[in-house]
Amino acid sequence: MVTKLAPVRLVGFGMGGWFLSTGIGNNLSGIFAGAVSGEGGMTIESALKGYTFGFWALIGSGVVLFLIAPLINKLMHGVK
């Protein structure tokens, strides 16, 4: 979709942004795992607390994306 939606002169920039977002996501998941395990290592309580938070955060962001999907489709101007 990046190559289809980006102007021809900005396709490389758009793909760079795509790969940068992937790298940032991987870094954030490492930070999240480090925060969940804490200084004393992973315990059942810290894992339950951390991954429950992660579950609700992902549910919330999924709902937000579901709600803005019509706007995103409108901005795509019919590109499939």
PDB file of N, CA and C in Angstrom:
ATOM      1  N   MET A   1       0.819  -1.191   0.000  1.00  0.00           N
ATOM      2  CA  MET A   1       0.000   0.000   0.000  1.00  0.00           C
ATOM      3  C   MET A   1       0.863   1.255   0.000  1.00  0.00           C
ATOM      4  N   VAL A   2       2.036   1.184   0.605  1.00  0.00           N
ATOM      5  CA  VAL A   2       2.899   2.365   0.633  1.00  0.00           C
ATOM      6  C   VAL A   2       3.291   2.751  -0.789  1.00  0.00           C
ATOM      7  N   THR A   3       3.663   1.775  -1.597  1.00  0.00           N
ATOM      8  CA  THR A   3       4.082   2.100  -2.956  1.00  0.00           C
ATOM      9  C   THR A   3       2.909   2.536  -3.830  1.00  0.00           C
ATOM     10  N   LYS A   4       1.715   2.087  -3.523  1.00  0.00           N
ATOM     11  CA  LYS A   4       0.548   2.496  -4.304  1.00  0.00           C
ATOM     12  C   LYS A   4       0.053   3.879  -3.921  1.00  0.00           C
ATOM     13  N   LEU A   5       0.123   4.231  -2.636  1.00  0.00           N
ATOM     14  CA  LEU A   5      -0.465   5.474  -2.162  1.00  0.00           C
ATOM     15  C   LEU A   5       0.497   6.655  -2.153  1.00  0.00           C
ATOM     16  N   ALA A   6       1.781   6.394  -2.069  1.00  0.00           N
ATOM     17  CA  ALA A   6       2.749   7.487  -2.006  1.00  0.00           C
ATOM     18  C   ALA A   6       2.993   8.058  -3.398  1.00  0.00           C
ATOM     19  N   PRO A   7       3.224   9.373  -3.489  1.00  0.00           N
ATOM     20  CA  PRO A   7       3.635   9.941  -4.780  1.00  0.00           C
ATOM     21  C   PRO A   7       4.947   9.299  -5.233  1.00  0.00           C
ATOM     22  N   VAL A   8       5.166   9.236  -6.544  1.00  0.00           N
ATOM     23  CA  VAL A   8       6.307   8.509  -7.096  1.00  0.00           C
ATOM     24  C   VAL A   8       7.626   9.000  -6.493  1.00  0.00           C
ATOM     25  N   ARG A   9       7.776  10.288  -6.291  1.00  0.00           N
ATOM     26  CA  ARG A   9       9.037  10.810  -5.785  1.00  0.00           C
ATOM     27  C   ARG A   9       9.231  10.555  -4.294  1.00  0.00           C
ATOM     28  N   LEU A  10       8.193  10.103  -3.587  1.00  0.00           N
ATOM     29  CA  LEU A  10       8.282   9.857  -2.149  1.00  0.00           C
ATOM     30  C   LEU A  10       8.130   8.386  -1.763  1.00  0.00           C
ATOM     31  N   VAL A  11       8.174   7.490  -2.744  1.00  0.00           N
ATOM     32  CA  VAL A  11       7.984   6.062  -2.446  1.00  0.00           C
ATOM     33  C   VAL A  11       9.106   5.543  -1.542  1.00  0.00           C
ATOM     34  N   GLY A  12      10.345   5.893  -1.828  1.00  0.00           N
ATOM     35  CA  GLY A  12      11.467   5.447  -1.000  1.00  0.00           C
ATOM     36  C   GLY A  12      11.361   5.981   0.420  1.00  0.00           C
ATOM     37  N   PHE A  13      10.939   7.237   0.547  1.00  0.00           N
ATOM     38  CA  PHE A  13      10.753   7.836   1.862  1.00  0.00           C
ATOM     39  C   PHE A  13       9.642   7.119   2.629  1.00  0.00           C
ATOM     40  N   GLY A  14       8.558   6.783   1.937  1.00  0.00           N
ATOM     41  CA  GLY A  14       7.452   6.063   2.570  1.00  0.00           C
ATOM     42  C   GLY A  14       7.851   4.674   3.014  1.00  0.00           C
ATOM     43  N   MET A  15       8.628   3.968   2.194  1.00  0.00           N
ATOM     44  CA  MET A  15       9.082   2.629   2.582  1.00  0.00           C
ATOM     45  C   MET A  15      10.055   2.712   3.751  1.00  0.00           C
ATOM     46  N   GLY A  16      10.881   3.764   3.776  1.00  0.00           N
ATOM     47  CA  GLY A  16      11.767   3.954   4.917  1.00  0.00           C
ATOM     48  C   GLY A  16      10.973   4.175   6.194  1.00  0.00           C
ATOM     49  N   GLY A  17       9.890   4.949   6.098  1.00  0.00           N
ATOM     50  CA  GLY A  17       9.009   5.157   7.253  1.00  0.00           C
ATOM     51  C   GLY A  17       8.357   3.867   7.701  1.00  0.00           C
ATOM     52  N   TRP A  18       7.990   3.023   6.737  1.00  0.00           N
ATOM     53  CA  TRP A  18       7.377   1.729   7.068  1.00  0.00           C
ATOM     54  C   TRP A  18       8.356   0.867   7.863  1.00  0.00           C
ATOM     55  N   PHE A  19       9.603   0.757   7.388  1.00  0.00           N
ATOM     56  CA  PHE A  19      10.585  -0.062   8.084  1.00  0.00           C
ATOM     57  C   PHE A  19      10.995   0.563   9.412  1.00  0.00           C
ATOM     58  N   LEU A  20      11.022   1.887   9.494  1.00  0.00           N
ATOM     59  CA  LEU A  20      11.316   2.553  10.757  1.00  0.00           C
ATOM     60  C   LEU A  20      10.233   2.244  11.788  1.00  0.00           C
ATOM     61  N   SER A  21       8.972   2.250  11.362  1.00  0.00           N
ATOM     62  CA  SER A  21       7.889   1.941  12.298  1.00  0.00           C
ATOM     63  C   SER A  21       7.975   0.492  12.787  1.00  0.00           C
ATOM     64  N   THR A  22       8.417  -0.417  11.928  1.00  0.00           N
ATOM     65  CA  THR A  22       8.620  -1.802  12.345  1.00  0.00           C
ATOM     66  C   THR A  22       9.722  -1.890  13.397  1.00  0.00           C
ATOM     67  N   GLY A  23      10.822  -1.177  13.169  1.00  0.00           N
ATOM     68  CA  GLY A  23      11.915  -1.173  14.137  1.00  0.00           C
ATOM     69  C   GLY A  23      11.506  -0.562  15.468  1.00  0.00           C
ATOM     70  N   ILE A  24      10.743   0.523  15.418  1.00  0.00           N
ATOM     71  CA  ILE A  24      10.270   1.156  16.652  1.00  0.00           C
ATOM     72  C   ILE A  24       9.340   0.214  17.407  1.00  0.00           C
ATOM     73  N   GLY A  25       8.475  -0.494  16.693  1.00  0.00           N
ATOM     74  CA  GLY A  25       7.572  -1.451  17.332  1.00  0.00           C
ATOM     75  C   GLY A  25       8.335  -2.575  18.015  1.00  0.00           C
ATOM     76  N   ASN A  26       9.380  -3.068  17.365  1.00  0.00           N
ATOM     77  CA  ASN A  26      10.194  -4.121  17.983  1.00  0.00           C
ATOM     78  C   ASN A  26      10.903  -3.601  19.232  1.00  0.00           C
ATOM     79  N   ASN A  27      11.411  -2.379  19.169  1.00  0.00           N
ATOM     80  CA  ASN A  27      12.068  -1.788  20.331  1.00  0.00           C
ATOM     81  C   ASN A  27      11.085  -1.606  21.482  1.00  0.00           C
ATOM     82  N   LEU A  28       9.882  -1.122  21.182  1.00  0.00           N
ATOM     83  CA  LEU A  28       8.877  -0.924  22.226  1.00  0.00           C
ATOM     84  C   LEU A  28       8.445  -2.246  22.857  1.00  0.00           C
ATOM     85  N   SER A  29       8.381  -3.304  22.059  1.00  0.00           N
ATOM     86  CA  SER A  29       8.012  -4.598  22.649  1.00  0.00           C
ATOM     87  C   SER A  29       9.105  -5.098  23.594  1.00  0.00           C
ATOM     88  N   GLY A  30      10.369  -4.816  23.295  1.00  0.00           N
ATOM     89  CA  GLY A  30      11.442  -5.168  24.212  1.00  0.00           C
ATOM     90  C   GLY A  30      11.377  -4.363  25.498  1.00  0.00           C
ATOM     91  N   ILE A  31      11.053  -3.070  25.367  1.00  0.00           N
ATOM     92  CA  ILE A  31      10.897  -2.226  26.554  1.00  0.00           C
ATOM     93  C   ILE A  31       9.738  -2.721  27.404  1.00  0.00           C
ATOM     94  N   PHE A  32       8.633  -3.091  26.763  1.00  0.00           N
ATOM     95  CA  PHE A  32       7.470  -3.608  27.486  1.00  0.00           C
ATOM     96  C   PHE A  32       7.816  -4.896  28.231  1.00  0.00           C
ATOM     97  N   ALA A  33       8.531  -5.797  27.565  1.00  0.00           N
ATOM     98  CA  ALA A  33       8.897  -7.062  28.215  1.00  0.00           C
ATOM     99  C   ALA A  33       9.841  -6.810  29.386  1.00  0.00           C
ATOM    100  N   GLY A  34      10.750  -5.855  29.241  1.00  0.00           N
ATOM    101  CA  GLY A  34      11.632  -5.525  30.347  1.00  0.00           C
ATOM    102  C   GLY A  34      10.886  -4.923  31.521  1.00  0.00           C
ATOM    103  N   ALA A  35       9.877  -4.093  31.229  1.00  0.00           N
ATOM    104  CA  ALA A  35       9.089  -3.482  32.299  1.00  0.00           C
ATOM    105  C   ALA A  35       8.232  -4.523  33.009  1.00  0.00           C
ATOM    106  N   VAL A  36       7.710  -5.478  32.266  1.00  0.00           N
ATOM    107  CA  VAL A  36       6.873  -6.516  32.873  1.00  0.00           C
ATOM    108  C   VAL A  36       7.710  -7.417  33.772  1.00  0.00           C
ATOM    109  N   SER A  37       8.926  -7.749  33.330  1.00  0.00           N
ATOM    110  CA  SER A  37       9.738  -8.658  34.140  1.00  0.00           C
ATOM    111  C   SER A  37      10.298  -7.965  35.375  1.00  0.00           C
ATOM    112  N   GLY A  38      10.510  -6.653  35.325  1.00  0.00           N
ATOM    113  CA  GLY A  38      10.977  -5.921  36.500  1.00  0.00           C
ATOM    114  C   GLY A  38      12.414  -6.250  36.867  1.00  0.00           C
ATOM    115  N   GLU A  39      12.852  -5.687  37.977  1.00  0.00           N
ATOM    116  CA  GLU A  39      14.236  -5.893  38.406  1.00  0.00           C
ATOM    117  C   GLU A  39      14.465  -7.287  38.978  1.00  0.00           C
ATOM    118  N   GLY A  40      13.460  -7.843  39.628  1.00  0.00           N
ATOM    119  CA  GLY A  40      13.619  -9.141  40.276  1.00  0.00           C
ATOM    120  C   GLY A  40      13.322 -10.318  39.377  1.00  0.00           C
ATOM    121  N   GLY A  41      13.071 -10.093  38.114  1.00  0.00           N
ATOM    122  CA  GLY A  41      12.731 -11.172  37.194  1.00  0.00           C
ATOM    123  C   GLY A  41      11.220 -11.328  37.071  1.00  0.00           C
ATOM    124  N   MET A  42      10.820 -12.181  36.181  1.00  0.00           N
ATOM    125  CA  MET A  42       9.402 -12.392  35.889  1.00  0.00           C
ATOM    126  C   MET A  42       8.750 -13.196  37.002  1.00  0.00           C
ATOM    127  N   THR A  43       7.633 -12.670  37.495  1.00  0.00           N
ATOM    128  CA  THR A  43       6.811 -13.416  38.443  1.00  0.00           C
ATOM    129  C   THR A  43       5.434 -13.586  37.820  1.00  0.00           C
ATOM    130  N   ILE A  44       4.657 -14.451  38.381  1.00  0.00           N
ATOM    131  CA  ILE A  44       3.310 -14.673  37.858  1.00  0.00           C
ATOM    132  C   ILE A  44       2.493 -13.396  37.985  1.00  0.00           C
ATOM    133  N   GLU A  45       2.646 -12.689  39.098  1.00  0.00           N
ATOM    134  CA  GLU A  45       1.881 -11.461  39.318  1.00  0.00           C
ATOM    135  C   GLU A  45       2.269 -10.373  38.317  1.00  0.00           C
ATOM    136  N   SER A  46       3.579 -10.187  38.085  1.00  0.00           N
ATOM    137  CA  SER A  46       3.996  -9.146  37.145  1.00  0.00           C
ATOM    138  C   SER A  46       3.593  -9.499  35.723  1.00  0.00           C
ATOM    139  N   ALA A  47       3.667 -10.779  35.369  1.00  0.00           N
ATOM    140  CA  ALA A  47       3.256 -11.199  34.032  1.00  0.00           C
ATOM    141  C   ALA A  47       1.764 -10.984  33.833  1.00  0.00           C
ATOM    142  N   LEU A  48       0.974 -11.350  34.814  1.00  0.00           N
ATOM    143  CA  LEU A  48      -0.472 -11.182  34.701  1.00  0.00           C
ATOM    144  C   LEU A  48      -0.841  -9.711  34.581  1.00  0.00           C
ATOM    145  N   LYS A  49      -0.230  -8.884  35.406  1.00  0.00           N
ATOM    146  CA  LYS A  49      -0.506  -7.448  35.374  1.00  0.00           C
ATOM    147  C   LYS A  49      -0.081  -6.830  34.039  1.00  0.00           C
ATOM    148  N   GLY A  50       1.123  -7.142  33.588  1.00  0.00           N
ATOM    149  CA  GLY A  50       1.647  -6.561  32.355  1.00  0.00           C
ATOM    150  C   GLY A  50       0.885  -6.991  31.125  1.00  0.00           C
ATOM    151  N   TYR A  51       0.627  -8.268  31.010  1.00  0.00           N
ATOM    152  CA  TYR A  51      -0.034  -8.751  29.814  1.00  0.00           C
ATOM    153  C   TYR A  51      -1.538  -8.470  29.824  1.00  0.00           C
ATOM    154  N   THR A  52      -2.134  -8.273  30.994  1.00  0.00           N
ATOM    155  CA  THR A  52      -3.521  -7.803  31.037  1.00  0.00           C
ATOM    156  C   THR A  52      -3.590  -6.375  30.522  1.00  0.00           C
ATOM    157  N   PHE A  53      -2.624  -5.538  30.940  1.00  0.00           N
ATOM    158  CA  PHE A  53      -2.549  -4.174  30.412  1.00  0.00           C
ATOM    159  C   PHE A  53      -2.364  -4.191  28.902  1.00  0.00           C
ATOM    160  N   GLY A  54      -1.449  -5.038  28.424  1.00  0.00           N
ATOM    161  CA  GLY A  54      -1.214  -5.139  26.983  1.00  0.00           C
ATOM    162  C   GLY A  54      -2.457  -5.570  26.224  1.00  0.00           C
ATOM    163  N   PHE A  55      -3.187  -6.510  26.785  1.00  0.00           N
ATOM    164  CA  PHE A  55      -4.420  -6.978  26.147  1.00  0.00           C
ATOM    165  C   PHE A  55      -5.410  -5.840  25.987  1.00  0.00           C
ATOM    166  N   TRP A  56      -5.656  -5.092  27.073  1.00  0.00           N
ATOM    167  CA  TRP A  56      -6.630  -4.005  26.999  1.00  0.00           C
ATOM    168  C   TRP A  56      -6.144  -2.865  26.115  1.00  0.00           C
ATOM    169  N   ALA A  57      -4.843  -2.618  26.095  1.00  0.00           N
ATOM    170  CA  ALA A  57      -4.304  -1.583  25.216  1.00  0.00           C
ATOM    171  C   ALA A  57      -4.509  -1.966  23.751  1.00  0.00           C
ATOM    172  N   LEU A  58      -4.299  -3.226  23.421  1.00  0.00           N
ATOM    173  CA  LEU A  58      -4.499  -3.681  22.052  1.00  0.00           C
ATOM    174  C   LEU A  58      -5.976  -3.696  21.672  1.00  0.00           C
ATOM    175  N   ILE A  59      -6.839  -4.079  22.590  1.00  0.00           N
ATOM    176  CA  ILE A  59      -8.282  -4.027  22.322  1.00  0.00           C
ATOM    177  C   ILE A  59      -8.707  -2.581  22.058  1.00  0.00           C
ATOM    178  N   GLY A  60      -8.229  -1.657  22.891  1.00  0.00           N
ATOM    179  CA  GLY A  60      -8.573  -0.243  22.720  1.00  0.00           C
ATOM    180  C   GLY A  60      -8.075   0.317  21.408  1.00  0.00           C
ATOM    181  N   SER A  61      -6.836   0.016  21.037  1.00  0.00           N
ATOM    182  CA  SER A  61      -6.320   0.528  19.772  1.00  0.00           C
ATOM    183  C   SER A  61      -7.017  -0.140  18.585  1.00  0.00           C
ATOM    184  N   GLY A  62      -7.412  -1.386  18.716  1.00  0.00           N
ATOM    185  CA  GLY A  62      -8.177  -2.040  17.650  1.00  0.00           C
ATOM    186  C   GLY A  62      -9.530  -1.394  17.443  1.00  0.00           C
ATOM    187  N   VAL A  63     -10.193  -1.016  18.529  1.00  0.00           N
ATOM    188  CA  VAL A  63     -11.484  -0.336  18.421  1.00  0.00           C
ATOM    189  C   VAL A  63     -11.307   1.025  17.744  1.00  0.00           C
ATOM    190  N   VAL A  64     -10.256   1.748  18.125  1.00  0.00           N
ATOM    191  CA  VAL A  64      -9.995   3.056  17.508  1.00  0.00           C
ATOM    192  C   VAL A  64      -9.740   2.892  16.014  1.00  0.00           C
ATOM    193  N   LEU A  65      -8.923   1.912  15.633  1.00  0.00           N
ATOM    194  CA  LEU A  65      -8.660   1.674  14.214  1.00  0.00           C
ATOM    195  C   LEU A  65      -9.911   1.254  13.465  1.00  0.00           C
ATOM    196  N   PHE A  66     -10.744   0.455  14.104  1.00  0.00           N
ATOM    197  CA  PHE A  66     -12.004   0.050  13.478  1.00  0.00           C
ATOM    198  C   PHE A  66     -12.894   1.268  13.232  1.00  0.00           C
ATOM    199  N   LEU A  67     -12.902   2.201  14.174  1.00  0.00           N
ATOM    200  CA  LEU A  67     -13.748   3.386  14.035  1.00  0.00           C
ATOM    201  C   LEU A  67     -13.232   4.363  12.978  1.00  0.00           C
ATOM    202  N   ILE A  68     -11.911   4.444  12.788  1.00  0.00           N
ATOM    203  CA  ILE A  68     -11.387   5.385  11.794  1.00  0.00           C
ATOM    204  C   ILE A  68     -11.151   4.735  10.430  1.00  0.00           C
ATOM    205  N   ALA A  69     -11.448   3.444  10.282  1.00  0.00           N
ATOM    206  CA  ALA A  69     -11.255   2.748   9.007  1.00  0.00           C
ATOM    207  C   ALA A  69     -12.024   3.402   7.861  1.00  0.00           C
ATOM    208  N   PRO A  70     -13.285   3.853   8.040  1.00  0.00           N
ATOM    209  CA  PRO A  70     -13.958   4.523   6.928  1.00  0.00           C
ATOM    210  C   PRO A  70     -13.242   5.800   6.489  1.00  0.00           C
ATOM    211  N   LEU A  71     -12.694   6.547   7.428  1.00  0.00           N
ATOM    212  CA  LEU A  71     -11.954   7.757   7.075  1.00  0.00           C
ATOM    213  C   LEU A  71     -10.693   7.408   6.290  1.00  0.00           C
ATOM    214  N   ILE A  72      -9.998   6.369   6.712  1.00  0.00           N
ATOM    215  CA  ILE A  72      -8.785   5.954   6.002  1.00  0.00           C
ATOM    216  C   ILE A  72      -9.130   5.487   4.592  1.00  0.00           C
ATOM    217  N   ASN A  73     -10.199   4.720   4.442  1.00  0.00           N
ATOM    218  CA  ASN A  73     -10.624   4.282   3.110  1.00  0.00           C
ATOM    219  C   ASN A  73     -11.005   5.464   2.230  1.00  0.00           C
ATOM    220  N   LYS A  74     -11.614   6.475   2.789  1.00  0.00           N
ATOM    221  CA  LYS A  74     -11.984   7.666   2.030  1.00  0.00           C
ATOM    222  C   LYS A  74     -10.737   8.405   1.564  1.00  0.00           C
ATOM    223  N   LEU A  75      -9.725   8.467   2.423  1.00  0.00           N
ATOM    224  CA  LEU A  75      -8.481   9.156   2.058  1.00  0.00           C
ATOM    225  C   LEU A  75      -7.674   8.386   1.001  1.00  0.00           C
ATOM    226  N   MET A  76      -7.950   7.097   0.822  1.00  0.00           N
ATOM    227  CA  MET A  76      -7.231   6.294  -0.164  1.00  0.00           C
ATOM    228  C   MET A  76      -7.716   6.536  -1.586  1.00  0.00           C
ATOM    229  N   HIS A  77      -8.829   7.210  -1.757  1.00  0.00           N
ATOM    230  CA  HIS A  77      -9.385   7.566  -3.081  1.00  0.00           C
ATOM    231  C   HIS A  77      -9.546   6.358  -3.999  1.00  0.00           C
ATOM    232  N   GLY A  78     -10.041   5.268  -3.467  1.00  0.00           N
ATOM    233  CA  GLY A  78     -10.365   4.103  -4.287  1.00  0.00           C
ATOM    234  C   GLY A  78      -9.209   3.192  -4.620  1.00  0.00           C
ATOM    235  N   VAL A  79      -8.015   3.387  -4.061  1.00  0.00           N
ATOM    236  CA  VAL A  79      -6.888   2.494  -4.333  1.00  0.00           C
ATOM    237  C   VAL A  79      -7.134   1.174  -3.635  1.00  0.00           C
ATOM    238  N   LYS A  80      -7.012   0.091  -4.348  1.00  0.00           N
ATOM    239  CA  LYS A  80      -7.226  -1.255  -3.786  1.00  0.00           C
ATOM    240  C   LYS A  80      -5.935  -1.994  -3.683  1.00  0.00           C
TER     241      LYS A  80
END
